[in-house]
Each structure stands twice: as structure tokens, then as C-alpha cells.
Amino acid sequence: MTGHRKRRQIPWWVVVGIGVVVGVAALIWAFSLHDDAGDALIDKDTAPILITLFTATGTILGLVLQRTRAVEHEVKPNSGSSMRDSTNRTEQKVDALVDAVAHLERAHRQQGTDIMQLREDQQQTRADLSGQASDIRGIRKDIGRVADALTKGTS
């Protein structure tokens, strides 16, 4: 695992702190909004609602940041145990399997061709042997006739 450095997860208190900072910033912003006459643009009843919404939004953004860092660590390409490395290894294995299957298919096709050739050769051999057997029978008959002719001629 060279080049692999384990990242720490963002602690919960940092996430809450981000939410509080966003909430305080929203509070300052809400009370600093005034129109040209100097009157506050946000009344005192609406300000707490906005501040609560901004604080919740800040906390949610902190949680998203926390989760994003956790996911980033898993898919980072140089991480020794990252999901990306696992995916790359799996793709390499699948590619090797595809190559092996293609090789087996070619070998199977070649075996099929070889078997067909062997069958044709066997049929040709049978035909040749049948012809030779016929020839041998003919030769035996000829020998038998010659032997008969010799025995009749000498008797």
C-alpha cells in the first residue's frame, strides 16, 4: 500500500461547528440588512426562522462534506484499498476471462473441424478397405482358378 494515507473522518463537533458558524453568519447578515431609510428589511419574528434554516443548512452541508470525504477516500485512484482499485482489478479479471473464453471458443471450433475431418478420413478409409477387400476376393478367385487349372493340367 505505497502512497496510501488513511484520512480521518471529520468529527461530529466540526460538522456542528460549521452549522453554528453559518448560523451566526446568517444572524449577522439578517440584522445588517436595511433599506435606504435605515429600517431593517427582516423583522424580528422572521429573523429567528431564517437563522434556524441557515443553521440547519450549514449542518447539512457539513454532513455532506463529511460523507463526501468518506466517499472520496474510497474512490481515490491511488488508495491501496479503494473501490476504484478494486474495480480496476475486477475489470482486468473480466478481460482475462473474456480472452480465455474466446480462446476456448476458437479451440472448440478447431476441435469440431478436426472431428469432421477425422470422420471424412474414416469414411474414406472404410471405402478404401472395402475396395481392397473386393480386390483381395478377386485375387483369391484368380488364384483358385489358376490352382484349379494347374491341378487339372497336371492330372
Protein backbone atom coordinates (compact mmCIF):
# COMPACT_ATOMS: atom_id res chain seq x y z
CA MET A 1 0.00 0.00 0.00
CA THR A 2 2.50 2.56 -1.08
CA GLY A 3 1.25 6.10 -1.28
CA HIS A 4 -1.77 5.20 0.82
CA ARG A 5 -2.58 7.51 3.65
CA LYS A 6 -5.69 6.89 5.69
CA ARG A 7 -7.80 10.01 6.01
CA ARG A 8 -9.57 10.73 9.21
CA GLN A 9 -13.27 11.37 9.13
CA ILE A 10 -14.47 14.84 10.08
CA PRO A 11 -15.60 14.71 13.73
CA TRP A 12 -19.25 15.42 14.54
CA TRP A 13 -18.37 18.52 16.54
CA VAL A 14 -16.70 20.06 13.48
CA VAL A 15 -19.89 19.46 11.50
CA VAL A 16 -21.97 21.10 14.23
CA GLY A 17 -19.40 23.91 14.41
CA ILE A 18 -19.82 24.55 10.69
CA GLY A 19 -23.57 24.75 11.21
CA VAL A 20 -23.16 27.19 14.11
CA VAL A 21 -20.73 29.40 12.16
CA VAL A 22 -23.16 29.51 9.23
CA GLY A 23 -25.98 30.30 11.68
CA VAL A 24 -24.02 33.15 13.30
CA ALA A 25 -23.09 34.49 9.87
CA ALA A 26 -26.75 34.34 8.91
CA LEU A 27 -27.68 36.19 12.11
CA ILE A 28 -25.19 38.97 11.42
CA TRP A 29 -26.30 39.15 7.80
CA ALA A 30 -30.01 39.19 8.72
CA PHE A 31 -29.62 42.05 11.17
CA SER A 32 -27.39 44.05 8.87
CA LEU A 33 -29.93 44.29 6.06
CA HIS A 34 -31.53 47.74 5.99
CA ASP A 35 -33.34 49.72 3.35
CA ASP A 36 -32.47 53.25 2.22
CA ALA A 37 -34.42 54.76 5.13
CA GLY A 38 -32.44 52.66 7.64
CA ASP A 39 -35.30 50.32 8.55
CA ALA A 40 -34.48 46.62 8.96
CA LEU A 41 -35.54 44.54 5.95
CA ILE A 42 -36.16 41.45 8.06
CA ASP A 43 -38.47 41.80 11.04
CA LYS A 44 -37.72 40.32 14.45
CA ASP A 45 -40.20 37.45 14.00
CA THR A 46 -38.78 36.29 10.64
CA ALA A 47 -35.09 36.55 11.64
CA PRO A 48 -35.09 33.53 14.05
CA ILE A 49 -36.77 31.38 11.41
CA LEU A 50 -34.17 32.35 8.81
CA ILE A 51 -31.35 31.81 11.29
CA THR A 52 -32.71 28.33 12.15
CA LEU A 53 -32.96 27.48 8.44
CA PHE A 54 -29.41 28.73 7.77
CA THR A 55 -28.06 26.82 10.80
CA ALA A 56 -29.78 23.61 9.62
CA THR A 57 -28.47 24.20 6.11
CA GLY A 58 -24.94 24.70 7.43
CA THR A 59 -25.18 21.49 9.45
CA ILE A 60 -26.47 19.58 6.44
CA LEU A 61 -23.65 20.99 4.30
CA GLY A 62 -21.18 19.86 6.97
CA LEU A 63 -22.66 16.36 6.88
CA VAL A 64 -22.47 16.35 3.08
CA LEU A 65 -18.82 17.40 3.33
CA GLN A 66 -18.19 14.61 5.83
CA ARG A 67 -19.81 11.98 3.60
CA THR A 68 -18.10 13.35 0.50
CA ARG A 69 -14.69 12.98 2.11
CA ALA A 70 -15.52 9.41 3.14
CA VAL A 71 -16.60 8.55 -0.41
CA GLU A 72 -13.65 10.42 -1.93
CA HIS A 73 -11.30 8.30 0.15
CA GLU A 74 -12.88 5.11 -1.18
CA VAL A 75 -12.78 6.05 -4.86
CA LYS A 76 -9.46 7.86 -4.90
CA PRO A 77 -7.36 6.05 -7.56
CA ASN A 78 -4.08 5.95 -5.61
CA SER A 79 -5.59 4.47 -2.48
CA GLY A 80 -4.35 0.93 -1.87
CA SER A 81 -7.76 -0.41 -0.90
CA SER A 82 -10.02 1.96 -2.77
CA MET A 83 -13.15 0.93 -4.58
CA ARG A 84 -11.61 2.23 -7.82
CA ASP A 85 -8.62 -0.11 -7.45
CA SER A 86 -10.99 -2.99 -6.77
CA THR A 87 -12.99 -2.05 -9.84
CA ASN A 88 -9.81 -1.90 -11.94
CA ARG A 89 -8.73 -5.32 -10.69
CA THR A 90 -12.18 -6.72 -11.41
CA GLU A 91 -12.13 -5.26 -14.93
CA GLN A 92 -8.72 -6.85 -15.53
CA LYS A 93 -10.02 -10.22 -14.35
CA VAL A 94 -13.11 -9.92 -16.54
CA ASP A 95 -10.92 -9.02 -19.53
CA ALA A 96 -8.74 -12.06 -18.82
CA LEU A 97 -11.85 -14.26 -18.60
CA VAL A 98 -13.19 -12.87 -21.87
CA ASP A 99 -9.85 -13.64 -23.54
CA ALA A 100 -9.85 -17.15 -22.07
CA VAL A 101 -13.42 -17.80 -23.24
CA ALA A 102 -12.55 -16.52 -26.72
CA HIS A 103 -9.52 -18.86 -26.79
CA LEU A 104 -11.71 -21.78 -25.67
CA GLU A 105 -14.28 -20.97 -28.36
CA ARG A 106 -11.56 -20.96 -31.03
CA ALA A 107 -10.18 -24.25 -29.68
CA HIS A 108 -13.69 -25.75 -29.64
CA ARG A 109 -14.31 -24.68 -33.24
CA GLN A 110 -10.96 -26.17 -34.27
CA GLN A 111 -11.80 -29.42 -32.48
CA GLY A 112 -15.13 -29.54 -34.31
CA THR A 113 -13.32 -29.05 -37.61
CA ASP A 114 -10.79 -31.74 -36.68
CA ILE A 115 -13.57 -34.18 -35.74
CA MET A 116 -15.33 -33.58 -39.08
CA GLN A 117 -12.04 -34.18 -40.88
CA LEU A 118 -11.47 -37.39 -38.91
CA ARG A 119 -14.96 -38.62 -39.84
CA GLU A 120 -14.33 -37.90 -43.51
CA ASP A 121 -10.96 -39.68 -43.29
CA GLN A 122 -12.59 -42.67 -41.56
CA GLN A 123 -15.29 -42.89 -44.26
CA GLN A 124 -12.61 -42.70 -46.94
CA THR A 125 -10.58 -45.41 -45.17
CA ARG A 126 -13.67 -47.64 -44.99
CA ALA A 127 -14.31 -47.10 -48.68
CA ASP A 128 -10.66 -47.88 -49.45
CA LEU A 129 -10.70 -51.03 -47.26
CA SER A 130 -13.94 -52.15 -48.87
CA GLY A 131 -12.32 -51.78 -52.29
CA GLN A 132 -9.22 -53.61 -51.13
CA ALA A 133 -11.34 -56.45 -49.68
CA SER A 134 -13.11 -56.72 -53.01
CA ASP A 135 -9.76 -56.77 -54.78
CA ILE A 136 -8.47 -59.47 -52.41
CA ARG A 137 -11.57 -61.61 -53.08
CA GLY A 138 -10.97 -61.19 -56.80
CA ILE A 139 -7.29 -62.16 -56.39
CA ARG A 140 -8.30 -65.25 -54.35
CA LYS A 141 -10.71 -66.30 -57.06
CA ASP A 142 -7.98 -65.81 -59.64
CA ILE A 143 -5.52 -67.83 -57.53
CA GLY A 144 -8.18 -70.51 -57.07
CA ARG A 145 -8.73 -70.69 -60.85
CA VAL A 146 -5.02 -70.81 -61.52
CA ALA A 147 -4.61 -73.54 -58.88
CA ASP A 148 -7.53 -75.48 -60.39
CA ALA A 149 -6.06 -75.08 -63.86
CA LEU A 150 -2.65 -76.31 -62.65
CA THR A 151 -4.07 -79.28 -60.82
CA LYS A 152 -6.25 -80.24 -63.79
CA GLY A 153 -3.40 -79.76 -66.16
CA THR A 154 -1.06 -82.00 -64.24
CA SER A 155 -3.52 -84.72 -63.57
